[in-house]
PDB file of N, CA and C in Angstrom:
ATOM      1  N   MET A   1     171.261 199.636  63.087  1.00  0.00           N
ATOM      2  CA  MET A   1     170.127 198.836  63.483  1.00  0.00           C
ATOM      3  C   MET A   1     169.297 198.457  62.265  1.00  0.00           C
ATOM      4  N   SER A   2     169.240 199.325  61.273  1.00  0.00           N
ATOM      5  CA  SER A   2     168.438 199.040  60.087  1.00  0.00           C
ATOM      6  C   SER A   2     168.963 197.853  59.315  1.00  0.00           C
ATOM      7  N   GLU A   3     170.289 197.591  59.452  1.00  0.00           N
ATOM      8  CA  GLU A   3     170.835 196.429  58.752  1.00  0.00           C
ATOM      9  C   GLU A   3     170.334 195.124  59.362  1.00  0.00           C
ATOM     10  N   ILE A   4     170.030 195.133  60.647  1.00  0.00           N
ATOM     11  CA  ILE A   4     169.599 193.920  61.344  1.00  0.00           C
ATOM     12  C   ILE A   4     168.170 193.550  60.965  1.00  0.00           C
ATOM     13  N   LEU A   5     167.307 194.531  60.830  1.00  0.00           N
ATOM     14  CA  LEU A   5     165.903 194.252  60.504  1.00  0.00           C
ATOM     15  C   LEU A   5     165.773 193.894  59.038  1.00  0.00           C
ATOM     16  N   GLN A   6     165.067 192.884  58.772  1.00  0.00           N
ATOM     17  CA  GLN A   6     164.783 192.463  57.409  1.00  0.00           C
ATOM     18  C   GLN A   6     163.414 193.006  57.013  1.00  0.00           C
ATOM     19  N   GLU A   7     163.159 193.047  55.742  1.00  0.00           N
ATOM     20  CA  GLU A   7     161.871 193.545  55.263  1.00  0.00           C
ATOM     21  C   GLU A   7     160.724 192.673  55.760  1.00  0.00           C
ATOM     22  N   ASN A   8     160.955 191.356  55.840  1.00  0.00           N
ATOM     23  CA  ASN A   8     159.908 190.443  56.309  1.00  0.00           C
ATOM     24  C   ASN A   8     159.550 190.676  57.765  1.00  0.00           C
ATOM     25  N   ASP A   9     160.483 191.196  58.557  1.00  0.00           N
ATOM     26  CA  ASP A   9     160.249 191.439  59.970  1.00  0.00           C
ATOM     27  C   ASP A   9     159.264 192.575  60.213  1.00  0.00           C
ATOM     28  N   LEU A  10     159.069 193.419  59.238  1.00  0.00           N
ATOM     29  CA  LEU A  10     158.226 194.595  59.413  1.00  0.00           C
ATOM     30  C   LEU A  10     156.779 194.365  58.988  1.00  0.00           C
ATOM     31  N   GLN A  11     156.473 193.193  58.469  1.00  0.00           N
ATOM     32  CA  GLN A  11     155.101 192.940  58.038  1.00  0.00           C
ATOM     33  C   GLN A  11     154.212 192.696  59.262  1.00  0.00           C
ATOM     34  N   PRO A  12     152.960 193.171  59.188  1.00  0.00           N
ATOM     35  CA  PRO A  12     152.056 192.994  60.340  1.00  0.00           C
ATOM     36  C   PRO A  12     151.725 191.512  60.552  1.00  0.00           C
ATOM     37  N   PHE A  13     151.469 191.179  61.810  1.00  0.00           N
ATOM     38  CA  PHE A  13     151.102 189.809  62.188  1.00  0.00           C
ATOM     39  C   PHE A  13     149.647 189.557  61.838  1.00  0.00           C
ATOM     40  N   ASN A  14     149.405 188.545  61.034  1.00  0.00           N
ATOM     41  CA  ASN A  14     148.039 188.163  60.676  1.00  0.00           C
ATOM     42  C   ASN A  14     147.766 186.782  61.258  1.00  0.00           C
ATOM     43  N   PRO A  15     147.024 186.719  62.358  1.00  0.00           N
ATOM     44  CA  PRO A  15     146.755 185.410  62.954  1.00  0.00           C
ATOM     45  C   PRO A  15     145.920 184.547  62.017  1.00  0.00           C
ATOM     46  N   ALA A  16     146.103 183.250  62.133  1.00  0.00           N
ATOM     47  CA  ALA A  16     145.323 182.307  61.320  1.00  0.00           C
ATOM     48  C   ALA A  16     143.851 182.426  61.703  1.00  0.00           C
ATOM     49  N   PRO A  17     142.967 182.141  60.766  1.00  0.00           N
ATOM     50  CA  PRO A  17     141.546 182.213  61.098  1.00  0.00           C
ATOM     51  C   PRO A  17     141.216 181.208  62.197  1.00  0.00           C
ATOM     52  N   LYS A  18     140.318 181.610  63.053  1.00  0.00           N
ATOM     53  CA  LYS A  18     139.937 180.743  64.178  1.00  0.00           C
ATOM     54  C   LYS A  18     139.116 179.564  63.678  1.00  0.00           C
ATOM     55  N   THR A  19     139.494 178.398  64.172  1.00  0.00           N
ATOM     56  CA  THR A  19     138.744 177.185  63.848  1.00  0.00           C
ATOM     57  C   THR A  19     138.602 176.353  65.108  1.00  0.00           C
ATOM     58  N   ASP A  20     137.689 175.432  65.095  1.00  0.00           N
ATOM     59  CA  ASP A  20     137.506 174.509  66.212  1.00  0.00           C
ATOM     60  C   ASP A  20     138.341 173.267  65.964  1.00  0.00           C
ATOM     61  N   VAL A  21     139.649 173.436  66.022  1.00  0.00           N
ATOM     62  CA  VAL A  21     140.563 172.336  65.722  1.00  0.00           C
ATOM     63  C   VAL A  21     140.370 171.188  66.705  1.00  0.00           C
ATOM     64  N   LEU A  22     140.277 171.477  67.985  1.00  0.00           N
ATOM     65  CA  LEU A  22     140.083 170.406  68.963  1.00  0.00           C
ATOM     66  C   LEU A  22     138.785 169.649  68.725  1.00  0.00           C
ATOM     67  N   ARG A  23     137.750 170.369  68.422  1.00  0.00           N
ATOM     68  CA  ARG A  23     136.448 169.721  68.209  1.00  0.00           C
ATOM     69  C   ARG A  23     136.460 168.812  66.981  1.00  0.00           C
ATOM     70  N   THR A  24     137.193 169.214  65.946  1.00  0.00           N
ATOM     71  CA  THR A  24     137.192 168.422  64.720  1.00  0.00           C
ATOM     72  C   THR A  24     138.319 167.398  64.663  1.00  0.00           C
ATOM     73  N   GLN A  25     139.508 167.754  65.199  1.00  0.00           N
ATOM     74  CA  GLN A  25     140.669 166.877  65.082  1.00  0.00           C
ATOM     75  C   GLN A  25     140.902 165.984  66.299  1.00  0.00           C
ATOM     76  N   ALA A  26     140.388 166.377  67.461  1.00  0.00           N
ATOM     77  CA  ALA A  26     140.605 165.603  68.687  1.00  0.00           C
ATOM     78  C   ALA A  26     139.360 165.661  69.570  1.00  0.00           C
ATOM     79  N   PRO A  27     138.256 165.098  69.087  1.00  0.00           N
ATOM     80  CA  PRO A  27     137.000 165.218  69.837  1.00  0.00           C
ATOM     81  C   PRO A  27     137.001 164.488  71.184  1.00  0.00           C
ATOM     82  N   ALA A  28     137.904 163.530  71.383  1.00  0.00           N
ATOM     83  CA  ALA A  28     137.926 162.782  72.649  1.00  0.00           C
ATOM     84  C   ALA A  28     138.650 163.538  73.758  1.00  0.00           C
ATOM     85  N   LEU A  29     139.197 164.706  73.448  1.00  0.00           N
ATOM     86  CA  LEU A  29     139.896 165.478  74.469  1.00  0.00           C
ATOM     87  C   LEU A  29     138.921 166.332  75.272  1.00  0.00           C
ATOM     88  N   ASP A  30     137.979 165.663  75.895  1.00  0.00           N
ATOM     89  CA  ASP A  30     137.092 166.339  76.828  1.00  0.00           C
ATOM     90  C   ASP A  30     137.345 165.746  78.208  1.00  0.00           C
ATOM     91  N   GLN A  31     136.917 166.435  79.235  1.00  0.00           N
ATOM     92  CA  GLN A  31     137.266 166.052  80.597  1.00  0.00           C
ATOM     93  C   GLN A  31     136.795 164.640  80.952  1.00  0.00           C
ATOM     94  N   LEU A  32     135.586 164.266  80.573  1.00  0.00           N
ATOM     95  CA  LEU A  32     135.064 162.943  80.922  1.00  0.00           C
ATOM     96  C   LEU A  32     135.845 161.828  80.223  1.00  0.00           C
ATOM     97  N   SER A  33     136.141 161.993  78.950  1.00  0.00           N
ATOM     98  CA  SER A  33     136.902 160.980  78.214  1.00  0.00           C
ATOM     99  C   SER A  33     138.306 160.829  78.763  1.00  0.00           C
ATOM    100  N   ILE A  34     138.928 161.936  79.081  1.00  0.00           N
ATOM    101  CA  ILE A  34     140.284 161.887  79.637  1.00  0.00           C
ATOM    102  C   ILE A  34     140.270 161.214  81.002  1.00  0.00           C
ATOM    103  N   LYS A  35     139.262 161.493  81.805  1.00  0.00           N
ATOM    104  CA  LYS A  35     139.165 160.866  83.129  1.00  0.00           C
ATOM    105  C   LYS A  35     138.998 159.351  82.994  1.00  0.00           C
ATOM    106  N   LYS A  36     138.133 158.914  82.076  1.00  0.00           N
ATOM    107  CA  LYS A  36     137.940 157.476  81.860  1.00  0.00           C
ATOM    108  C   LYS A  36     139.232 156.814  81.396  1.00  0.00           C
ATOM    109  N   ALA A  37     139.942 157.456  80.483  1.00  0.00           N
ATOM    110  CA  ALA A  37     141.206 156.905  79.990  1.00  0.00           C
ATOM    111  C   ALA A  37     142.239 156.830  81.106  1.00  0.00           C
ATOM    112  N   SER A  38     142.290 157.857  81.943  1.00  0.00           N
ATOM    113  CA  SER A  38     143.265 157.846  83.034  1.00  0.00           C
ATOM    114  C   SER A  38     142.955 156.747  84.039  1.00  0.00           C
ATOM    115  N   LEU A  39     141.683 156.457  84.267  1.00  0.00           N
ATOM    116  CA  LEU A  39     141.314 155.362  85.170  1.00  0.00           C
ATOM    117  C   LEU A  39     141.771 154.012  84.605  1.00  0.00           C
ATOM    118  N   THR A  40     141.718 153.869  83.294  1.00  0.00           N
ATOM    119  CA  THR A  40     142.189 152.636  82.663  1.00  0.00           C
ATOM    120  C   THR A  40     143.689 152.491  82.855  1.00  0.00           C
ATOM    121  N   PHE A  41     144.439 153.570  82.635  1.00  0.00           N
ATOM    122  CA  PHE A  41     145.891 153.510  82.835  1.00  0.00           C
ATOM    123  C   PHE A  41     146.237 153.291  84.303  1.00  0.00           C
ATOM    124  N   ARG A  42     145.492 153.923  85.195  1.00  0.00           N
ATOM    125  CA  ARG A  42     145.744 153.720  86.625  1.00  0.00           C
ATOM    126  C   ARG A  42     145.474 152.273  87.026  1.00  0.00           C
ATOM    127  N   ALA A  43     144.518 151.638  86.373  1.00  0.00           N
ATOM    128  CA  ALA A  43     144.186 150.249  86.704  1.00  0.00           C
ATOM    129  C   ALA A  43     145.354 149.315  86.418  1.00  0.00           C
ATOM    130  N   ILE A  44     146.080 149.557  85.347  1.00  0.00           N
ATOM    131  CA  ILE A  44     147.193 148.660  85.017  1.00  0.00           C
ATOM    132  C   ILE A  44     148.512 149.131  85.628  1.00  0.00           C
ATOM    133  N   ASN A  45     148.529 150.323  86.179  1.00  0.00           N
ATOM    134  CA  ASN A  45     149.762 150.875  86.750  1.00  0.00           C
ATOM    135  C   ASN A  45     149.830 150.591  88.255  1.00  0.00           C
ATOM    136  N   HIS A  46     149.767 149.322  88.607  1.00  0.00           N
ATOM    137  CA  HIS A  46     149.866 148.908  90.008  1.00  0.00           C
ATOM    138  C   HIS A  46     150.563 147.556  90.035  1.00  0.00           C
ATOM    139  N   PRO A  47     151.565 147.383  90.891  1.00  0.00           N
ATOM    140  CA  PRO A  47     152.336 146.133  90.883  1.00  0.00           C
ATOM    141  C   PRO A  47     151.497 144.871  91.092  1.00  0.00           C
ATOM    142  N   LEU A  48     150.549 144.898  92.024  1.00  0.00           N
ATOM    143  CA  LEU A  48     149.720 143.704  92.256  1.00  0.00           C
ATOM    144  C   LEU A  48     148.834 143.392  91.056  1.00  0.00           C
ATOM    145  N   ARG A  49     148.273 144.441  90.460  1.00  0.00           N
ATOM    146  CA  ARG A  49     147.401 144.208  89.311  1.00  0.00           C
ATOM    147  C   ARG A  49     148.192 143.736  88.106  1.00  0.00           C
ATOM    148  N   LEU A  50     149.410 144.253  87.926  1.00  0.00           N
ATOM    149  CA  LEU A  50     150.254 143.756  86.840  1.00  0.00           C
ATOM    150  C   LEU A  50     150.608 142.286  87.068  1.00  0.00           C
ATOM    151  N   GLU A  51     150.867 141.929  88.318  1.00  0.00           N
ATOM    152  CA  GLU A  51     151.153 140.529  88.635  1.00  0.00           C
ATOM    153  C   GLU A  51     149.923 139.658  88.356  1.00  0.00           C
ATOM    154  N   MET A  52     148.738 140.162  88.700  1.00  0.00           N
ATOM    155  CA  MET A  52     147.499 139.423  88.410  1.00  0.00           C
ATOM    156  C   MET A  52     147.331 139.224  86.910  1.00  0.00           C
ATOM    157  N   ILE A  53     147.579 140.271  86.147  1.00  0.00           N
ATOM    158  CA  ILE A  53     147.455 140.192  84.689  1.00  0.00           C
ATOM    159  C   ILE A  53     148.406 139.132  84.145  1.00  0.00           C
ATOM    160  N   ARG A  54     149.634 139.143  84.629  1.00  0.00           N
ATOM    161  CA  ARG A  54     150.618 138.139  84.174  1.00  0.00           C
ATOM    162  C   ARG A  54     150.207 136.724  84.575  1.00  0.00           C
ATOM    163  N   MET A  55     149.674 136.575  85.784  1.00  0.00           N
ATOM    164  CA  MET A  55     149.262 135.258  86.248  1.00  0.00           C
ATOM    165  C   MET A  55     148.073 134.731  85.436  1.00  0.00           C
ATOM    166  N   ILE A  56     147.099 135.586  85.197  1.00  0.00           N
ATOM    167  CA  ILE A  56     145.950 135.178  84.379  1.00  0.00           C
ATOM    168  C   ILE A  56     146.423 134.823  82.978  1.00  0.00           C
ATOM    169  N   ASP A  57     147.367 135.597  82.447  1.00  0.00           N
ATOM    170  CA  ASP A  57     147.908 135.316  81.124  1.00  0.00           C
ATOM    171  C   ASP A  57     148.599 133.954  81.089  1.00  0.00           C
ATOM    172  N   SER A  58     149.359 133.630  82.106  1.00  0.00           N
ATOM    173  CA  SER A  58     150.087 132.353  82.111  1.00  0.00           C
ATOM    174  C   SER A  58     149.154 131.156  82.225  1.00  0.00           C
ATOM    175  N   LYS A  59     148.003 131.343  82.885  1.00  0.00           N
ATOM    176  CA  LYS A  59     147.053 130.246  83.076  1.00  0.00           C
ATOM    177  C   LYS A  59     145.950 130.220  82.011  1.00  0.00           C
ATOM    178  N   GLY A  60     145.730 131.336  81.343  1.00  0.00           N
ATOM    179  CA  GLY A  60     144.615 131.435  80.398  1.00  0.00           C
ATOM    180  C   GLY A  60     143.379 132.013  81.054  1.00  0.00           C
ATOM    181  N   HIS A  61     143.114 131.599  82.284  1.00  0.00           N
ATOM    182  CA  HIS A  61     142.041 132.143  83.109  1.00  0.00           C
ATOM    183  C   HIS A  61     142.309 131.733  84.544  1.00  0.00           C
ATOM    184  N   ALA A  62     141.691 132.424  85.491  1.00  0.00           N
ATOM    185  CA  ALA A  62     141.923 132.099  86.895  1.00  0.00           C
ATOM    186  C   ALA A  62     140.719 132.528  87.719  1.00  0.00           C
ATOM    187  N   THR A  63     140.507 131.828  88.825  1.00  0.00           N
ATOM    188  CA  THR A  63     139.479 132.227  89.787  1.00  0.00           C
ATOM    189  C   THR A  63     140.126 133.150  90.805  1.00  0.00           C
ATOM    190  N   VAL A  64     139.301 133.864  91.542  1.00  0.00           N
ATOM    191  CA  VAL A  64     139.831 134.729  92.589  1.00  0.00           C
ATOM    192  C   VAL A  64     140.552 133.887  93.635  1.00  0.00           C
ATOM    193  N   THR A  65     140.072 132.676  93.898  1.00  0.00           N
ATOM    194  CA  THR A  65     140.716 131.790  94.873  1.00  0.00           C
ATOM    195  C   THR A  65     142.128 131.429  94.421  1.00  0.00           C
ATOM    196  N   GLU A  66     142.279 131.056  93.162  1.00  0.00           N
ATOM    197  CA  GLU A  66     143.614 130.728  92.638  1.00  0.00           C
ATOM    198  C   GLU A  66     144.551 131.924  92.780  1.00  0.00           C
ATOM    199  N   LEU A  67     144.038 133.106  92.473  1.00  0.00           N
ATOM    200  CA  LEU A  67     144.873 134.301  92.522  1.00  0.00           C
ATOM    201  C   LEU A  67     145.301 134.639  93.945  1.00  0.00           C
ATOM    202  N   PHE A  68     144.360 134.630  94.894  1.00  0.00           N
ATOM    203  CA  PHE A  68     144.759 135.054  96.234  1.00  0.00           C
ATOM    204  C   PHE A  68     145.623 134.006  96.920  1.00  0.00           C
ATOM    205  N   ILE A  69     145.450 132.729  96.596  1.00  0.00           N
ATOM    206  CA  ILE A  69     146.312 131.700  97.187  1.00  0.00           C
ATOM    207  C   ILE A  69     147.726 131.812  96.617  1.00  0.00           C
ATOM    208  N   GLU A  70     147.846 131.880  95.288  1.00  0.00           N
ATOM    209  CA  GLU A  70     149.178 131.935  94.672  1.00  0.00           C
ATOM    210  C   GLU A  70     149.908 133.240  94.955  1.00  0.00           C
ATOM    211  N   MET A  71     149.160 134.334  95.084  1.00  0.00           N
ATOM    212  CA  MET A  71     149.794 135.623  95.334  1.00  0.00           C
ATOM    213  C   MET A  71     149.939 135.914  96.826  1.00  0.00           C
ATOM    214  N   ARG A  72     149.371 135.023  97.652  1.00  0.00           N
ATOM    215  CA  ARG A  72     149.422 135.174  99.114  1.00  0.00           C
ATOM    216  C   ARG A  72     148.815 136.498  99.564  1.00  0.00           C
ATOM    217  N   LEU A  73     147.591 136.714  99.106  1.00  0.00           N
ATOM    218  CA  LEU A  73     146.842 137.920  99.454  1.00  0.00           C
ATOM    219  C   LEU A  73     145.601 137.539 100.256  1.00  0.00           C
ATOM    220  N   GLU A  74     145.019 138.511 100.888  1.00  0.00           N
ATOM    221  CA  GLU A  74     143.691 138.318 101.462  1.00  0.00           C
ATOM    222  C   GLU A  74     142.702 138.210 100.309  1.00  0.00           C
ATOM    223  N   GLN A  75     141.656 137.427 100.496  1.00  0.00           N
ATOM    224  CA  GLN A  75     140.656 137.247  99.437  1.00  0.00           C
ATOM    225  C   GLN A  75     140.026 138.587  99.060  1.00  0.00           C
ATOM    226  N   SER A  76     139.758 139.424 100.051  1.00  0.00           N
ATOM    227  CA  SER A  76     139.115 140.719  99.774  1.00  0.00           C
ATOM    228  C   SER A  76     140.033 141.627  98.953  1.00  0.00           C
ATOM    229  N   VAL A  77     141.339 141.569  99.203  1.00  0.00           N
ATOM    230  CA  VAL A  77     142.290 142.394  98.449  1.00  0.00           C
ATOM    231  C   VAL A  77     142.315 141.946  96.991  1.00  0.00           C
ATOM    232  N   ALA A  78     142.377 140.629  96.775  1.00  0.00           N
ATOM    233  CA  ALA A  78     142.372 140.100  95.405  1.00  0.00           C
ATOM    234  C   ALA A  78     141.083 140.491  94.688  1.00  0.00           C
ATOM    235  N   SER A  79     139.961 140.383  95.380  1.00  0.00           N
ATOM    236  CA  SER A  79     138.668 140.738  94.779  1.00  0.00           C
ATOM    237  C   SER A  79     138.600 142.211  94.424  1.00  0.00           C
ATOM    238  N   GLN A  80     139.126 143.076  95.280  1.00  0.00           N
ATOM    239  CA  GLN A  80     139.110 144.512  95.006  1.00  0.00           C
ATOM    240  C   GLN A  80     139.955 144.849  93.777  1.00  0.00           C
ATOM    241  N   HIS A  81     141.126 144.234  93.679  1.00  0.00           N
ATOM    242  CA  HIS A  81     141.982 144.496  92.522  1.00  0.00           C
ATOM    243  C   HIS A  81     141.367 143.947  91.236  1.00  0.00           C
ATOM    244  N   LEU A  82     140.742 142.786  91.321  1.00  0.00           N
ATOM    245  CA  LEU A  82     140.056 142.241  90.144  1.00  0.00           C
ATOM    246  C   LEU A  82     138.895 143.135  89.720  1.00  0.00           C
ATOM    247  N   ALA A  83     138.194 143.700  90.686  1.00  0.00           N
ATOM    248  CA  ALA A  83     137.082 144.603  90.361  1.00  0.00           C
ATOM    249  C   ALA A  83     137.582 145.840  89.622  1.00  0.00           C
ATOM    250  N   ILE A  84     138.722 146.360  90.031  1.00  0.00           N
ATOM    251  CA  ILE A  84     139.310 147.524  89.340  1.00  0.00           C
ATOM    252  C   ILE A  84     139.676 147.153  87.911  1.00  0.00           C
ATOM    253  N   LEU A  85     140.297 145.982  87.737  1.00  0.00           N
ATOM    254  CA  LEU A  85     140.658 145.525  86.387  1.00  0.00           C
ATOM    255  C   LEU A  85     139.423 145.271  85.536  1.00  0.00           C
ATOM    256  N   ARG A  86     138.369 144.751  86.150  1.00  0.00           N
ATOM    257  CA  ARG A  86     137.129 144.476  85.419  1.00  0.00           C
ATOM    258  C   ARG A  86     136.446 145.775  84.991  1.00  0.00           C
ATOM    259  N   ARG A  87     136.374 146.761  85.890  1.00  0.00           N
ATOM    260  CA  ARG A  87     135.756 148.051  85.543  1.00  0.00           C
ATOM    261  C   ARG A  87     136.521 148.757  84.430  1.00  0.00           C
ATOM    262  N   ALA A  88     137.832 148.554  84.394  1.00  0.00           N
ATOM    263  CA  ALA A  88     138.656 149.167  83.347  1.00  0.00           C
ATOM    264  C   ALA A  88     138.596 148.385  82.041  1.00  0.00           C
ATOM    265  N   GLY A  89     137.959 147.219  82.065  1.00  0.00           N
ATOM    266  CA  GLY A  89     137.836 146.411  80.850  1.00  0.00           C
ATOM    267  C   GLY A  89     139.067 145.578  80.549  1.00  0.00           C
ATOM    268  N   ILE A  90     139.959 145.433  81.513  1.00  0.00           N
ATOM    269  CA  ILE A  90     141.193 144.676  81.312  1.00  0.00           C
ATOM    270  C   ILE A  90     140.931 143.176  81.422  1.00  0.00           C
ATOM    271  N   VAL A  91     140.048 142.793  82.336  1.00  0.00           N
ATOM    272  CA  VAL A  91     139.669 141.383  82.474  1.00  0.00           C
ATOM    273  C   VAL A  91     138.168 141.242  82.277  1.00  0.00           C
ATOM    274  N   LYS A  92     137.782 140.048  81.861  1.00  0.00           N
ATOM    275  CA  LYS A  92     136.372 139.701  81.695  1.00  0.00           C
ATOM    276  C   LYS A  92     136.037 138.618  82.709  1.00  0.00           C
ATOM    277  N   LYS A  93     134.836 138.670  83.215  1.00  0.00           N
ATOM    278  CA  LYS A  93     134.367 137.673  84.166  1.00  0.00           C
ATOM    279  C   LYS A  93     133.514 136.664  83.417  1.00  0.00           C
ATOM    280  N   ILE A  94     133.849 135.373  83.568  1.00  0.00           N
ATOM    281  CA  ILE A  94     133.128 134.309  82.863  1.00  0.00           C
ATOM    282  C   ILE A  94     132.660 133.287  83.882  1.00  0.00           C
ATOM    283  N   ARG A  95     131.367 132.996  83.870  1.00  0.00           N
ATOM    284  CA  ARG A  95     130.801 132.023  84.790  1.00  0.00           C
ATOM    285  C   ARG A  95     130.799 130.642  84.132  1.00  0.00           C
ATOM    286  N   ASP A  96     131.246 129.659  84.899  1.00  0.00           N
ATOM    287  CA  ASP A  96     131.196 128.264  84.471  1.00  0.00           C
ATOM    288  C   ASP A  96     130.639 127.468  85.641  1.00  0.00           C
ATOM    289  N   GLY A  97     129.328 127.250  85.608  1.00  0.00           N
ATOM    290  CA  GLY A  97     128.670 126.586  86.731  1.00  0.00           C
ATOM    291  C   GLY A  97     128.750 127.465  87.962  1.00  0.00           C
ATOM    292  N   LYS A  98     129.306 126.921  89.033  1.00  0.00           N
ATOM    293  CA  LYS A  98     129.421 127.715  90.257  1.00  0.00           C
ATOM    294  C   LYS A  98     130.741 128.487  90.328  1.00  0.00           C
ATOM    295  N   PHE A  99     131.595 128.327  89.327  1.00  0.00           N
ATOM    296  CA  PHE A  99     132.891 129.006  89.325  1.00  0.00           C
ATOM    297  C   PHE A  99     132.850 130.268  88.474  1.00  0.00           C
ATOM    298  N   MET A 100     133.574 131.282  88.960  1.00  0.00           N
ATOM    299  CA  MET A 100     133.704 132.540  88.247  1.00  0.00           C
ATOM    300  C   MET A 100     135.168 132.675  87.835  1.00  0.00           C
ATOM    301  N   TYR A 101     135.410 132.691  86.529  1.00  0.00           N
ATOM    302  CA  TYR A 101     136.774 132.790  86.018  1.00  0.00           C
ATOM    303  C   TYR A 101     137.021 134.191  85.493  1.00  0.00           C
ATOM    304  N   TYR A 102     138.257 134.619  85.616  1.00  0.00           N
ATOM    305  CA  TYR A 102     138.688 135.897  85.072  1.00  0.00           C
ATOM    306  C   TYR A 102     139.643 135.621  83.927  1.00  0.00           C
ATOM    307  N   LYS A 103     139.366 136.265  82.806  1.00  0.00           N
ATOM    308  CA  LYS A 103     140.133 136.075  81.589  1.00  0.00           C
ATOM    309  C   LYS A 103     140.538 137.451  81.070  1.00  0.00           C
ATOM    310  N   LEU A 104     141.705 137.538  80.443  1.00  0.00           N
ATOM    311  CA  LEU A 104     142.171 138.825  79.925  1.00  0.00           C
ATOM    312  C   LEU A 104     141.358 139.251  78.711  1.00  0.00           C
ATOM    313  N   ASN A 105     141.101 140.539  78.628  1.00  0.00           N
ATOM    314  CA  ASN A 105     140.479 141.134  77.453  1.00  0.00           C
ATOM    315  C   ASN A 105     141.623 141.545  76.526  1.00  0.00           C
ATOM    316  N   LEU A 106     142.020 140.637  75.649  1.00  0.00           N
ATOM    317  CA  LEU A 106     143.199 140.851  74.810  1.00  0.00           C
ATOM    318  C   LEU A 106     143.047 142.044  73.883  1.00  0.00           C
ATOM    319  N   GLU A 107     141.842 142.303  73.393  1.00  0.00           N
ATOM    320  CA  GLU A 107     141.630 143.446  72.505  1.00  0.00           C
ATOM    321  C   GLU A 107     141.965 144.753  73.231  1.00  0.00           C
ATOM    322  N   LYS A 108     141.510 144.880  74.464  1.00  0.00           N
ATOM    323  CA  LYS A 108     141.767 146.091  75.253  1.00  0.00           C
ATOM    324  C   LYS A 108     143.263 146.221  75.553  1.00  0.00           C
ATOM    325  N   LEU A 109     143.904 145.112  75.906  1.00  0.00           N
ATOM    326  CA  LEU A 109     145.341 145.146  76.193  1.00  0.00           C
ATOM    327  C   LEU A 109     146.156 145.491  74.950  1.00  0.00           C
ATOM    328  N   GLN A 110     145.755 144.982  73.800  1.00  0.00           N
ATOM    329  CA  GLN A 110     146.447 145.327  72.554  1.00  0.00           C
ATOM    330  C   GLN A 110     146.288 146.809  72.243  1.00  0.00           C
ATOM    331  N   LEU A 111     145.093 147.345  72.468  1.00  0.00           N
ATOM    332  CA  LEU A 111     144.851 148.769  72.251  1.00  0.00           C
ATOM    333  C   LEU A 111     145.708 149.609  73.195  1.00  0.00           C
ATOM    334  N   LEU A 112     145.754 149.231  74.468  1.00  0.00           N
ATOM    335  CA  LEU A 112     146.578 149.955  75.431  1.00  0.00           C
ATOM    336  C   LEU A 112     148.053 149.879  75.054  1.00  0.00           C
ATOM    337  N   ASN A 113     148.500 148.720  74.609  1.00  0.00           N
ATOM    338  CA  ASN A 113     149.885 148.564  74.175  1.00  0.00           C
ATOM    339  C   ASN A 113     150.200 149.502  73.011  1.00  0.00           C
ATOM    340  N   LYS A 114     149.281 149.601  72.053  1.00  0.00           N
ATOM    341  CA  LYS A 114     149.485 150.482  70.899  1.00  0.00           C
ATOM    342  C   LYS A 114     149.533 151.952  71.332  1.00  0.00           C
ATOM    343  N   ILE A 115     148.630 152.329  72.215  1.00  0.00           N
ATOM    344  CA  ILE A 115     148.601 153.720  72.686  1.00  0.00           C
ATOM    345  C   ILE A 115     149.900 154.063  73.401  1.00  0.00           C
ATOM    346  N   ILE A 116     150.351 153.174  74.278  1.00  0.00           N
ATOM    347  CA  ILE A 116     151.592 153.412  75.019  1.00  0.00           C
ATOM    348  C   ILE A 116     152.777 153.497  74.067  1.00  0.00           C
ATOM    349  N   THR A 117     152.830 152.570  73.114  1.00  0.00           N
ATOM    350  CA  THR A 117     153.917 152.572  72.134  1.00  0.00           C
ATOM    351  C   THR A 117     153.914 153.868  71.326  1.00  0.00           C
ATOM    352  N   ASP A 118     152.737 154.306  70.880  1.00  0.00           N
ATOM    353  CA  ASP A 118     152.629 155.551  70.107  1.00  0.00           C
ATOM    354  C   ASP A 118     153.035 156.767  70.935  1.00  0.00           C
ATOM    355  N   LEU A 119     152.656 156.787  72.216  1.00  0.00           N
ATOM    356  CA  LEU A 119     153.006 157.916  73.073  1.00  0.00           C
ATOM    357  C   LEU A 119     154.507 158.005  73.324  1.00  0.00           C
ATOM    358  N   LEU A 120     155.166 156.857  73.389  1.00  0.00           N
ATOM    359  CA  LEU A 120     156.595 156.846  73.693  1.00  0.00           C
ATOM    360  C   LEU A 120     157.466 157.076  72.470  1.00  0.00           C
ATOM    361  N   ASN A 121     156.902 156.987  71.276  1.00  0.00           N
ATOM    362  CA  ASN A 121     157.683 157.224  70.042  1.00  0.00           C
ATOM    363  C   ASN A 121     157.624 158.657  69.620  1.00  0.00           C
TER     364      ASN A 121
END
């Protein structure tokens, strides 16, 4: 048995000094920040909302009326999904006279794309 044990195996375990690694290296890993981030991912992780995002992208901007007519949805359903996307910062609401247009927040989408790409690599 003595042949199996090496001299290095017999040295006492000295744990590394305690540091606040999470606080200094990953300060956004708190419950509130994680919850907000998860709500953003949940907002884009829905087939109807992804279709809305693609439709707004193809048109440049769209009204809720254009979206619910083209997607064959109830107006209230389209409005609810747009509200979720707006709260998550995925779309911006722009008023032009009596019309309310929804436009993609490209900066937020680019950031989400980078985060997803980094997580998958």
